Amino acid sequence: MQNFSVALAPSRLDQVINPWTWNINLGGSNDTTLERRVLDEVGSYGRQIGQLGDALGVLIGLVPDEMRKSLPKTQQDALTKAEKQLKLIGLIKEARALERELGDKTASDSVN
């Protein structure tokens, strides 16, 4: 029996997708023009959140252990969770920097 194959699509598809030109309407923003300007002039949401995380890490580091132990458990847990998230983000950034230094390709490289 012979194999049968049909090409239903071109062997290569290319399309430029630039999400930064899409209308931004996260959370029902009333001023997408303002959001666009913030993204263009300040930085992406990821960059903004990253800088806030860096600042939060500084503030958490200033809380003495004695004061931290006197906080309600829910507040202690919130600080611990934030610290762990910031640590994981740092590890991911460190791994990514090593990948770039070594010239390794990751799945995310094919998207960019």
PDB file of N, CA and C in Angstrom:
ATOM      1  N   MET A   1       0.844  -1.173   0.000  1.00  0.00           N
ATOM      2  CA  MET A   1       0.000   0.000   0.000  1.00  0.00           C
ATOM      3  C   MET A   1       0.894   1.241   0.000  1.00  0.00           C
ATOM      4  N   GLN A   2       0.571   2.215  -0.831  1.00  0.00           N
ATOM      5  CA  GLN A   2       1.363   3.430  -0.932  1.00  0.00           C
ATOM      6  C   GLN A   2       0.959   4.431   0.146  1.00  0.00           C
ATOM      7  N   ASN A   3       1.965   5.210   0.596  1.00  0.00           N
ATOM      8  CA  ASN A   3       1.680   6.308   1.514  1.00  0.00           C
ATOM      9  C   ASN A   3       1.046   7.445   0.741  1.00  0.00           C
ATOM     10  N   PHE A   4       0.113   8.090   1.360  1.00  0.00           N
ATOM     11  CA  PHE A   4      -0.601   9.191   0.721  1.00  0.00           C
ATOM     12  C   PHE A   4      -0.445  10.430   1.586  1.00  0.00           C
ATOM     13  N   SER A   5       0.003  11.544   1.009  1.00  0.00           N
ATOM     14  CA  SER A   5       0.131  12.770   1.784  1.00  0.00           C
ATOM     15  C   SER A   5      -0.365  13.946   0.955  1.00  0.00           C
ATOM     16  N   VAL A   6      -0.896  14.910   1.640  1.00  0.00           N
ATOM     17  CA  VAL A   6      -1.417  16.107   1.000  1.00  0.00           C
ATOM     18  C   VAL A   6      -0.890  17.314   1.755  1.00  0.00           C
ATOM     19  N   ALA A   7      -0.348  18.290   1.045  1.00  0.00           N
ATOM     20  CA  ALA A   7       0.113  19.529   1.669  1.00  0.00           C
ATOM     21  C   ALA A   7      -1.060  20.499   1.695  1.00  0.00           C
ATOM     22  N   LEU A   8      -1.599  20.737   2.871  1.00  0.00           N
ATOM     23  CA  LEU A   8      -2.750  21.623   3.014  1.00  0.00           C
ATOM     24  C   LEU A   8      -2.365  23.046   3.402  1.00  0.00           C
ATOM     25  N   ALA A   9      -1.086  23.240   3.709  1.00  0.00           N
ATOM     26  CA  ALA A   9      -0.619  24.568   4.098  1.00  0.00           C
ATOM     27  C   ALA A   9       0.765  24.778   3.503  1.00  0.00           C
ATOM     28  N   PRO A  10       1.180  26.016   3.339  1.00  0.00           N
ATOM     29  CA  PRO A  10       2.538  26.266   2.839  1.00  0.00           C
ATOM     30  C   PRO A  10       3.563  25.694   3.803  1.00  0.00           C
ATOM     31  N   SER A  11       4.740  25.405   3.304  1.00  0.00           N
ATOM     32  CA  SER A  11       5.783  24.840   4.162  1.00  0.00           C
ATOM     33  C   SER A  11       6.313  25.861   5.160  1.00  0.00           C
ATOM     34  N   ARG A  12       6.098  27.127   4.885  1.00  0.00           N
ATOM     35  CA  ARG A  12       6.573  28.165   5.802  1.00  0.00           C
ATOM     36  C   ARG A  12       5.531  29.278   5.891  1.00  0.00           C
ATOM     37  N   LEU A  13       5.206  29.653   7.116  1.00  0.00           N
ATOM     38  CA  LEU A  13       4.269  30.756   7.342  1.00  0.00           C
ATOM     39  C   LEU A  13       4.984  31.831   8.142  1.00  0.00           C
ATOM     40  N   ASP A  14       4.908  33.059   7.707  1.00  0.00           N
ATOM     41  CA  ASP A  14       5.519  34.170   8.423  1.00  0.00           C
ATOM     42  C   ASP A  14       4.474  35.257   8.624  1.00  0.00           C
ATOM     43  N   GLN A  15       4.426  35.769   9.844  1.00  0.00           N
ATOM     44  CA  GLN A  15       3.544  36.887  10.121  1.00  0.00           C
ATOM     45  C   GLN A  15       4.153  37.679  11.262  1.00  0.00           C
ATOM     46  N   VAL A  16       4.306  38.957  11.070  1.00  0.00           N
ATOM     47  CA  VAL A  16       4.824  39.824  12.119  1.00  0.00           C
ATOM     48  C   VAL A  16       3.693  40.139  13.079  1.00  0.00           C
ATOM     49  N   ILE A  17       3.932  39.843  14.342  1.00  0.00           N
ATOM     50  CA  ILE A  17       2.935  40.139  15.370  1.00  0.00           C
ATOM     51  C   ILE A  17       3.590  41.070  16.374  1.00  0.00           C
ATOM     52  N   ASN A  18       3.047  42.240  16.530  1.00  0.00           N
ATOM     53  CA  ASN A  18       3.578  43.212  17.467  1.00  0.00           C
ATOM     54  C   ASN A  18       2.498  43.540  18.491  1.00  0.00           C
ATOM     55  N   PRO A  19       2.519  42.838  19.639  1.00  0.00           N
ATOM     56  CA  PRO A  19       1.454  43.055  20.617  1.00  0.00           C
ATOM     57  C   PRO A  19       1.439  44.457  21.202  1.00  0.00           C
ATOM     58  N   TRP A  20       2.538  45.204  21.084  1.00  0.00           N
ATOM     59  CA  TRP A  20       2.572  46.545  21.669  1.00  0.00           C
ATOM     60  C   TRP A  20       1.703  47.522  20.883  1.00  0.00           C
ATOM     61  N   THR A  21       1.293  47.138  19.687  1.00  0.00           N
ATOM     62  CA  THR A  21       0.433  48.034  18.921  1.00  0.00           C
ATOM     63  C   THR A  21      -1.041  47.718  19.128  1.00  0.00           C
ATOM     64  N   TRP A  22      -1.348  46.664  19.858  1.00  0.00           N
ATOM     65  CA  TRP A  22      -2.737  46.320  20.125  1.00  0.00           C
ATOM     66  C   TRP A  22      -3.324  47.320  21.114  1.00  0.00           C
ATOM     67  N   ASN A  23      -4.612  47.486  21.097  1.00  0.00           N
ATOM     68  CA  ASN A  23      -5.261  48.317  22.103  1.00  0.00           C
ATOM     69  C   ASN A  23      -5.133  47.638  23.453  1.00  0.00           C
ATOM     70  N   ILE A  24      -4.801  48.409  24.442  1.00  0.00           N
ATOM     71  CA  ILE A  24      -4.632  47.879  25.781  1.00  0.00           C
ATOM     72  C   ILE A  24      -5.917  48.119  26.546  1.00  0.00           C
ATOM     73  N   ASN A  25      -6.468  47.068  27.062  1.00  0.00           N
ATOM     74  CA  ASN A  25      -7.703  47.198  27.821  1.00  0.00           C
ATOM     75  C   ASN A  25      -7.709  46.163  28.925  1.00  0.00           C
ATOM     76  N   LEU A  26      -6.656  46.163  29.726  1.00  0.00           N
ATOM     77  CA  LEU A  26      -6.573  45.234  30.841  1.00  0.00           C
ATOM     78  C   LEU A  26      -7.289  45.829  32.033  1.00  0.00           C
ATOM     79  N   GLY A  27      -8.288  45.143  32.510  1.00  0.00           N
ATOM     80  CA  GLY A  27      -9.024  45.625  33.660  1.00  0.00           C
ATOM     81  C   GLY A  27      -9.955  46.765  33.345  1.00  0.00           C
ATOM     82  N   GLY A  28     -10.340  46.914  32.111  1.00  0.00           N
ATOM     83  CA  GLY A  28     -11.301  47.945  31.758  1.00  0.00           C
ATOM     84  C   GLY A  28     -10.757  49.355  31.893  1.00  0.00           C
ATOM     85  N   SER A  29      -9.545  49.607  31.413  1.00  0.00           N
ATOM     86  CA  SER A  29      -8.938  50.929  31.501  1.00  0.00           C
ATOM     87  C   SER A  29      -9.816  51.973  30.812  1.00  0.00           C
ATOM     88  N   ASN A  30      -9.929  53.117  31.439  1.00  0.00           N
ATOM     89  CA  ASN A  30     -10.685  54.222  30.853  1.00  0.00           C
ATOM     90  C   ASN A  30      -9.823  55.101  29.957  1.00  0.00           C
ATOM     91  N   ASP A  31      -8.496  54.895  29.993  1.00  0.00           N
ATOM     92  CA  ASP A  31      -7.599  55.765  29.239  1.00  0.00           C
ATOM     93  C   ASP A  31      -6.480  54.944  28.610  1.00  0.00           C
ATOM     94  N   THR A  32      -6.790  54.285  27.501  1.00  0.00           N
ATOM     95  CA  THR A  32      -5.792  53.458  26.838  1.00  0.00           C
ATOM     96  C   THR A  32      -4.645  54.290  26.271  1.00  0.00           C
ATOM     97  N   THR A  33      -4.903  55.555  25.941  1.00  0.00           N
ATOM     98  CA  THR A  33      -3.835  56.435  25.455  1.00  0.00           C
ATOM     99  C   THR A  33      -2.796  56.657  26.550  1.00  0.00           C
ATOM    100  N   LEU A  34      -3.266  56.847  27.768  1.00  0.00           N
ATOM    101  CA  LEU A  34      -2.347  57.015  28.899  1.00  0.00           C
ATOM    102  C   LEU A  34      -1.542  55.735  29.123  1.00  0.00           C
ATOM    103  N   GLU A  35      -2.198  54.587  29.078  1.00  0.00           N
ATOM    104  CA  GLU A  35      -1.487  53.323  29.264  1.00  0.00           C
ATOM    105  C   GLU A  35      -0.428  53.139  28.184  1.00  0.00           C
ATOM    106  N   ARG A  36      -0.760  53.465  26.945  1.00  0.00           N
ATOM    107  CA  ARG A  36       0.197  53.360  25.846  1.00  0.00           C
ATOM    108  C   ARG A  36       1.412  54.238  26.121  1.00  0.00           C
ATOM    109  N   ARG A  37       1.160  55.472  26.598  1.00  0.00           N
ATOM    110  CA  ARG A  37       2.261  56.395  26.874  1.00  0.00           C
ATOM    111  C   ARG A  37       3.148  55.867  28.001  1.00  0.00           C
ATOM    112  N   VAL A  38       2.529  55.324  29.056  1.00  0.00           N
ATOM    113  CA  VAL A  38       3.311  54.760  30.166  1.00  0.00           C
ATOM    114  C   VAL A  38       4.172  53.610  29.656  1.00  0.00           C
ATOM    115  N   LEU A  39       3.598  52.734  28.850  1.00  0.00           N
ATOM    116  CA  LEU A  39       4.359  51.616  28.307  1.00  0.00           C
ATOM    117  C   LEU A  39       5.509  52.098  27.439  1.00  0.00           C
ATOM    118  N   ASP A  40       5.274  53.109  26.625  1.00  0.00           N
ATOM    119  CA  ASP A  40       6.304  53.634  25.734  1.00  0.00           C
ATOM    120  C   ASP A  40       7.399  54.380  26.484  1.00  0.00           C
ATOM    121  N   GLU A  41       7.021  55.154  27.505  1.00  0.00           N
ATOM    122  CA  GLU A  41       7.978  56.042  28.160  1.00  0.00           C
ATOM    123  C   GLU A  41       8.561  55.491  29.456  1.00  0.00           C
ATOM    124  N   VAL A  42       7.831  54.624  30.139  1.00  0.00           N
ATOM    125  CA  VAL A  42       8.307  54.090  31.421  1.00  0.00           C
ATOM    126  C   VAL A  42       8.848  52.679  31.245  1.00  0.00           C
ATOM    127  N   GLY A  43       8.082  51.840  30.614  1.00  0.00           N
ATOM    128  CA  GLY A  43       8.531  50.474  30.399  1.00  0.00           C
ATOM    129  C   GLY A  43       7.356  49.516  30.405  1.00  0.00           C
ATOM    130  N   SER A  44       7.623  48.304  29.978  1.00  0.00           N
ATOM    131  CA  SER A  44       6.599  47.270  29.920  1.00  0.00           C
ATOM    132  C   SER A  44       6.058  46.973  31.314  1.00  0.00           C
ATOM    133  N   TYR A  45       4.928  46.287  31.340  1.00  0.00           N
ATOM    134  CA  TYR A  45       4.371  45.894  32.637  1.00  0.00           C
ATOM    135  C   TYR A  45       5.374  45.044  33.402  1.00  0.00           C
ATOM    136  N   GLY A  46       6.056  44.153  32.699  1.00  0.00           N
ATOM    137  CA  GLY A  46       7.059  43.307  33.347  1.00  0.00           C
ATOM    138  C   GLY A  46       8.181  44.120  33.966  1.00  0.00           C
ATOM    139  N   ARG A  47       8.650  45.120  33.235  1.00  0.00           N
ATOM    140  CA  ARG A  47       9.724  45.962  33.767  1.00  0.00           C
ATOM    141  C   ARG A  47       9.237  46.752  34.987  1.00  0.00           C
ATOM    142  N   GLN A  48       8.024  47.303  34.889  1.00  0.00           N
ATOM    143  CA  GLN A  48       7.483  48.068  36.015  1.00  0.00           C
ATOM    144  C   GLN A  48       7.320  47.182  37.248  1.00  0.00           C
ATOM    145  N   ILE A  49       6.757  45.991  37.049  1.00  0.00           N
ATOM    146  CA  ILE A  49       6.555  45.068  38.174  1.00  0.00           C
ATOM    147  C   ILE A  49       7.901  44.632  38.736  1.00  0.00           C
ATOM    148  N   GLY A  50       8.882  44.410  37.852  1.00  0.00           N
ATOM    149  CA  GLY A  50      10.211  44.019  38.305  1.00  0.00           C
ATOM    150  C   GLY A  50      10.850  45.077  39.192  1.00  0.00           C
ATOM    151  N   GLN A  51      10.704  46.341  38.797  1.00  0.00           N
ATOM    152  CA  GLN A  51      11.281  47.418  39.600  1.00  0.00           C
ATOM    153  C   GLN A  51      10.549  47.565  40.934  1.00  0.00           C
ATOM    154  N   LEU A  52       9.235  47.369  40.912  1.00  0.00           N
ATOM    155  CA  LEU A  52       8.487  47.389  42.177  1.00  0.00           C
ATOM    156  C   LEU A  52       8.911  46.228  43.067  1.00  0.00           C
ATOM    157  N   GLY A  53       9.148  45.065  42.454  1.00  0.00           N
ATOM    158  CA  GLY A  53       9.624  43.911  43.220  1.00  0.00           C
ATOM    159  C   GLY A  53      10.982  44.174  43.846  1.00  0.00           C
ATOM    160  N   ASP A  54      11.870  44.803  43.078  1.00  0.00           N
ATOM    161  CA  ASP A  54      13.192  45.146  43.617  1.00  0.00           C
ATOM    162  C   ASP A  54      13.059  46.069  44.828  1.00  0.00           C
ATOM    163  N   ALA A  55      12.197  47.080  44.713  1.00  0.00           N
ATOM    164  CA  ALA A  55      11.983  48.013  45.821  1.00  0.00           C
ATOM    165  C   ALA A  55      11.353  47.294  47.019  1.00  0.00           C
ATOM    166  N   LEU A  56      10.401  46.405  46.749  1.00  0.00           N
ATOM    167  CA  LEU A  56       9.775  45.640  47.825  1.00  0.00           C
ATOM    168  C   LEU A  56      10.806  44.794  48.561  1.00  0.00           C
ATOM    169  N   GLY A  57      11.727  44.191  47.799  1.00  0.00           N
ATOM    170  CA  GLY A  57      12.780  43.394  48.423  1.00  0.00           C
ATOM    171  C   GLY A  57      13.636  44.225  49.364  1.00  0.00           C
ATOM    172  N   VAL A  58      13.922  45.458  48.969  1.00  0.00           N
ATOM    173  CA  VAL A  58      14.697  46.354  49.847  1.00  0.00           C
ATOM    174  C   VAL A  58      13.924  46.621  51.134  1.00  0.00           C
ATOM    175  N   LEU A  59      12.634  46.945  50.989  1.00  0.00           N
ATOM    176  CA  LEU A  59      11.815  47.259  52.170  1.00  0.00           C
ATOM    177  C   LEU A  59      11.665  46.049  53.088  1.00  0.00           C
ATOM    178  N   ILE A  60      11.456  44.883  52.521  1.00  0.00           N
ATOM    179  CA  ILE A  60      11.340  43.672  53.349  1.00  0.00           C
ATOM    180  C   ILE A  60      12.630  43.439  54.122  1.00  0.00           C
ATOM    181  N   GLY A  61      13.763  43.691  53.462  1.00  0.00           N
ATOM    182  CA  GLY A  61      15.049  43.511  54.120  1.00  0.00           C
ATOM    183  C   GLY A  61      15.284  44.464  55.286  1.00  0.00           C
ATOM    184  N   LEU A  62      14.544  45.561  55.314  1.00  0.00           N
ATOM    185  CA  LEU A  62      14.692  46.529  56.405  1.00  0.00           C
ATOM    186  C   LEU A  62      13.870  46.175  57.639  1.00  0.00           C
ATOM    187  N   VAL A  63      12.974  45.195  57.508  1.00  0.00           N
ATOM    188  CA  VAL A  63      12.129  44.802  58.646  1.00  0.00           C
ATOM    189  C   VAL A  63      12.957  43.906  59.564  1.00  0.00           C
ATOM    190  N   PRO A  64      13.236  44.373  60.797  1.00  0.00           N
ATOM    191  CA  PRO A  64      14.021  43.554  61.732  1.00  0.00           C
ATOM    192  C   PRO A  64      13.278  42.252  62.068  1.00  0.00           C
ATOM    193  N   ASP A  65      14.038  41.201  62.344  1.00  0.00           N
ATOM    194  CA  ASP A  65      13.446  39.904  62.669  1.00  0.00           C
ATOM    195  C   ASP A  65      12.471  39.994  63.839  1.00  0.00           C
ATOM    196  N   GLU A  66      12.824  40.788  64.846  1.00  0.00           N
ATOM    197  CA  GLU A  66      11.947  40.910  66.012  1.00  0.00           C
ATOM    198  C   GLU A  66      10.591  41.486  65.620  1.00  0.00           C
ATOM    199  N   MET A  67      10.612  42.499  64.767  1.00  0.00           N
ATOM    200  CA  MET A  67       9.366  43.116  64.330  1.00  0.00           C
ATOM    201  C   MET A  67       8.567  42.134  63.472  1.00  0.00           C
ATOM    202  N   ARG A  68       9.274  41.428  62.630  1.00  0.00           N
ATOM    203  CA  ARG A  68       8.609  40.471  61.741  1.00  0.00           C
ATOM    204  C   ARG A  68       7.900  39.390  62.543  1.00  0.00           C
ATOM    205  N   LYS A  69       8.556  38.918  63.592  1.00  0.00           N
ATOM    206  CA  LYS A  69       7.970  37.869  64.440  1.00  0.00           C
ATOM    207  C   LYS A  69       6.751  38.371  65.203  1.00  0.00           C
ATOM    208  N   SER A  70       6.667  39.680  65.398  1.00  0.00           N
ATOM    209  CA  SER A  70       5.522  40.233  66.129  1.00  0.00           C
ATOM    210  C   SER A  70       4.312  40.490  65.224  1.00  0.00           C
ATOM    211  N   LEU A  71       4.504  40.363  63.914  1.00  0.00           N
ATOM    212  CA  LEU A  71       3.402  40.570  62.976  1.00  0.00           C
ATOM    213  C   LEU A  71       2.420  39.403  63.033  1.00  0.00           C
ATOM    214  N   PRO A  72       1.165  39.653  62.679  1.00  0.00           N
ATOM    215  CA  PRO A  72       0.218  38.539  62.562  1.00  0.00           C
ATOM    216  C   PRO A  72       0.726  37.524  61.528  1.00  0.00           C
ATOM    217  N   LYS A  73       0.362  36.282  61.693  1.00  0.00           N
ATOM    218  CA  LYS A  73       0.842  35.207  60.826  1.00  0.00           C
ATOM    219  C   LYS A  73       0.553  35.491  59.352  1.00  0.00           C
ATOM    220  N   THR A  74      -0.609  36.046  59.050  1.00  0.00           N
ATOM    221  CA  THR A  74      -0.935  36.323  57.648  1.00  0.00           C
ATOM    222  C   THR A  74       0.044  37.330  57.038  1.00  0.00           C
ATOM    223  N   GLN A  75       0.472  38.307  57.830  1.00  0.00           N
ATOM    224  CA  GLN A  75       1.431  39.292  57.336  1.00  0.00           C
ATOM    225  C   GLN A  75       2.826  38.685  57.200  1.00  0.00           C
ATOM    226  N   GLN A  76       3.201  37.840  58.153  1.00  0.00           N
ATOM    227  CA  GLN A  76       4.484  37.137  58.052  1.00  0.00           C
ATOM    228  C   GLN A  76       4.511  36.268  56.794  1.00  0.00           C
ATOM    229  N   ASP A  77       3.405  35.567  56.566  1.00  0.00           N
ATOM    230  CA  ASP A  77       3.311  34.699  55.388  1.00  0.00           C
ATOM    231  C   ASP A  77       3.390  35.509  54.091  1.00  0.00           C
ATOM    232  N   ALA A  78       2.771  36.678  54.081  1.00  0.00           N
ATOM    233  CA  ALA A  78       2.807  37.530  52.889  1.00  0.00           C
ATOM    234  C   ALA A  78       4.240  37.961  52.584  1.00  0.00           C
ATOM    235  N   LEU A  79       4.991  38.334  53.619  1.00  0.00           N
ATOM    236  CA  LEU A  79       6.382  38.731  53.417  1.00  0.00           C
ATOM    237  C   LEU A  79       7.221  37.552  52.940  1.00  0.00           C
ATOM    238  N   THR A  80       7.006  36.381  53.536  1.00  0.00           N
ATOM    239  CA  THR A  80       7.756  35.189  53.151  1.00  0.00           C
ATOM    240  C   THR A  80       7.465  34.810  51.703  1.00  0.00           C
ATOM    241  N   LYS A  81       6.194  34.864  51.319  1.00  0.00           N
ATOM    242  CA  LYS A  81       5.820  34.521  49.948  1.00  0.00           C
ATOM    243  C   LYS A  81       6.450  35.503  48.959  1.00  0.00           C
ATOM    244  N   ALA A  82       6.410  36.781  49.272  1.00  0.00           N
ATOM    245  CA  ALA A  82       7.020  37.786  48.391  1.00  0.00           C
ATOM    246  C   ALA A  82       8.526  37.536  48.267  1.00  0.00           C
ATOM    247  N   GLU A  83       9.182  37.244  49.379  1.00  0.00           N
ATOM    248  CA  GLU A  83      10.622  36.959  49.342  1.00  0.00           C
ATOM    249  C   GLU A  83      10.929  35.762  48.448  1.00  0.00           C
ATOM    250  N   LYS A  84      10.115  34.709  48.581  1.00  0.00           N
ATOM    251  CA  LYS A  84      10.344  33.507  47.784  1.00  0.00           C
ATOM    252  C   LYS A  84      10.109  33.779  46.296  1.00  0.00           C
ATOM    253  N   GLN A  85       9.083  34.556  45.981  1.00  0.00           N
ATOM    254  CA  GLN A  85       8.830  34.894  44.580  1.00  0.00           C
ATOM    255  C   GLN A  85       9.980  35.712  44.014  1.00  0.00           C
ATOM    256  N   LEU A  86      10.462  36.695  44.777  1.00  0.00           N
ATOM    257  CA  LEU A  86      11.579  37.512  44.316  1.00  0.00           C
ATOM    258  C   LEU A  86      12.840  36.675  44.137  1.00  0.00           C
ATOM    259  N   LYS A  87      13.043  35.712  45.032  1.00  0.00           N
ATOM    260  CA  LYS A  87      14.202  34.822  44.919  1.00  0.00           C
ATOM    261  C   LYS A  87      14.099  33.976  43.658  1.00  0.00           C
ATOM    262  N   LEU A  88      12.922  33.423  43.382  1.00  0.00           N
ATOM    263  CA  LEU A  88      12.725  32.610  42.190  1.00  0.00           C
ATOM    264  C   LEU A  88      12.927  33.440  40.929  1.00  0.00           C
ATOM    265  N   ILE A  89      12.405  34.657  40.918  1.00  0.00           N
ATOM    266  CA  ILE A  89      12.612  35.548  39.772  1.00  0.00           C
ATOM    267  C   ILE A  89      14.100  35.788  39.561  1.00  0.00           C
ATOM    268  N   GLY A  90      14.827  36.015  40.647  1.00  0.00           N
ATOM    269  CA  GLY A  90      16.277  36.210  40.555  1.00  0.00           C
ATOM    270  C   GLY A  90      16.989  34.997  39.975  1.00  0.00           C
ATOM    271  N   LEU A  91      16.563  33.815  40.400  1.00  0.00           N
ATOM    272  CA  LEU A  91      17.169  32.587  39.876  1.00  0.00           C
ATOM    273  C   LEU A  91      16.877  32.410  38.388  1.00  0.00           C
ATOM    274  N   ILE A  92      15.649  32.719  37.982  1.00  0.00           N
ATOM    275  CA  ILE A  92      15.289  32.610  36.572  1.00  0.00           C
ATOM    276  C   ILE A  92      16.102  33.597  35.735  1.00  0.00           C
ATOM    277  N   LYS A  93      16.249  34.829  36.231  1.00  0.00           N
ATOM    278  CA  LYS A  93      17.049  35.827  35.513  1.00  0.00           C
ATOM    279  C   LYS A  93      18.509  35.382  35.426  1.00  0.00           C
ATOM    280  N   GLU A  94      19.012  34.813  36.509  1.00  0.00           N
ATOM    281  CA  GLU A  94      20.396  34.343  36.525  1.00  0.00           C
ATOM    282  C   GLU A  94      20.588  33.205  35.518  1.00  0.00           C
ATOM    283  N   ALA A  95      19.643  32.274  35.484  1.00  0.00           N
ATOM    284  CA  ALA A  95      19.723  31.172  34.520  1.00  0.00           C
ATOM    285  C   ALA A  95      19.672  31.706  33.097  1.00  0.00           C
ATOM    286  N   ARG A  96      18.802  32.661  32.850  1.00  0.00           N
ATOM    287  CA  ARG A  96      18.673  33.239  31.508  1.00  0.00           C
ATOM    288  C   ARG A  96      19.963  33.939  31.092  1.00  0.00           C
ATOM    289  N   ALA A  97      20.594  34.647  32.024  1.00  0.00           N
ATOM    290  CA  ALA A  97      21.858  35.314  31.721  1.00  0.00           C
ATOM    291  C   ALA A  97      22.936  34.284  31.366  1.00  0.00           C
ATOM    292  N   LEU A  98      22.966  33.163  32.078  1.00  0.00           N
ATOM    293  CA  LEU A  98      23.931  32.108  31.768  1.00  0.00           C
ATOM    294  C   LEU A  98      23.649  31.488  30.405  1.00  0.00           C
ATOM    295  N   GLU A  99      22.373  31.280  30.099  1.00  0.00           N
ATOM    296  CA  GLU A  99      22.005  30.731  28.783  1.00  0.00           C
ATOM    297  C   GLU A  99      22.504  31.650  27.673  1.00  0.00           C
ATOM    298  N   ARG A 100      22.296  32.934  27.839  1.00  0.00           N
ATOM    299  CA  ARG A 100      22.747  33.890  26.812  1.00  0.00           C
ATOM    300  C   ARG A 100      24.264  33.899  26.710  1.00  0.00           C
ATOM    301  N   GLU A 101      24.934  33.861  27.872  1.00  0.00           N
ATOM    302  CA  GLU A 101      26.391  33.869  27.886  1.00  0.00           C
ATOM    303  C   GLU A 101      26.955  32.644  27.174  1.00  0.00           C
ATOM    304  N   LEU A 102      26.315  31.512  27.366  1.00  0.00           N
ATOM    305  CA  LEU A 102      26.788  30.270  26.753  1.00  0.00           C
ATOM    306  C   LEU A 102      26.280  30.085  25.325  1.00  0.00           C
ATOM    307  N   GLY A 103      25.376  30.952  24.911  1.00  0.00           N
ATOM    308  CA  GLY A 103      24.855  30.865  23.557  1.00  0.00           C
ATOM    309  C   GLY A 103      23.815  29.794  23.372  1.00  0.00           C
ATOM    310  N   ASP A 104      23.270  29.285  24.461  1.00  0.00           N
ATOM    311  CA  ASP A 104      22.245  28.257  24.365  1.00  0.00           C
ATOM    312  C   ASP A 104      20.938  28.870  23.894  1.00  0.00           C
ATOM    313  N   LYS A 105      20.201  28.118  23.121  1.00  0.00           N
ATOM    314  CA  LYS A 105      18.882  28.547  22.658  1.00  0.00           C
ATOM    315  C   LYS A 105      17.827  27.927  23.561  1.00  0.00           C
ATOM    316  N   THR A 106      16.812  28.718  23.872  1.00  0.00           N
ATOM    317  CA  THR A 106      15.691  28.198  24.651  1.00  0.00           C
ATOM    318  C   THR A 106      14.429  28.333  23.821  1.00  0.00           C
ATOM    319  N   ALA A 107      13.376  27.716  24.298  1.00  0.00           N
ATOM    320  CA  ALA A 107      12.105  27.792  23.583  1.00  0.00           C
ATOM    321  C   ALA A 107      11.638  29.234  23.437  1.00  0.00           C
ATOM    322  N   SER A 108      11.941  30.075  24.432  1.00  0.00           N
ATOM    323  CA  SER A 108      11.493  31.464  24.365  1.00  0.00           C
ATOM    324  C   SER A 108      12.220  32.252  23.288  1.00  0.00           C
ATOM    325  N   ASP A 109      13.433  31.802  22.898  1.00  0.00           N
ATOM    326  CA  ASP A 109      14.165  32.510  21.844  1.00  0.00           C
ATOM    327  C   ASP A 109      13.445  32.443  20.518  1.00  0.00           C
ATOM    328  N   SER A 110      12.741  31.354  20.266  1.00  0.00           N
ATOM    329  CA  SER A 110      12.074  31.218  18.978  1.00  0.00           C
ATOM    330  C   SER A 110      10.864  32.138  18.871  1.00  0.00           C
ATOM    331  N   VAL A 111      10.368  32.615  20.011  1.00  0.00           N
ATOM    332  CA  VAL A 111       9.219  33.523  20.002  1.00  0.00           C
ATOM    333  C   VAL A 111       9.669  34.941  19.742  1.00  0.00           C
ATOM    334  N   ASN A 112      10.835  35.314  20.267  1.00  0.00           N
ATOM    335  CA  ASN A 112      11.318  36.696  20.162  1.00  0.00           C
ATOM    336  C   ASN A 112      11.860  36.987  18.822  1.00  0.00           C
TER     337      ASN A 112
END
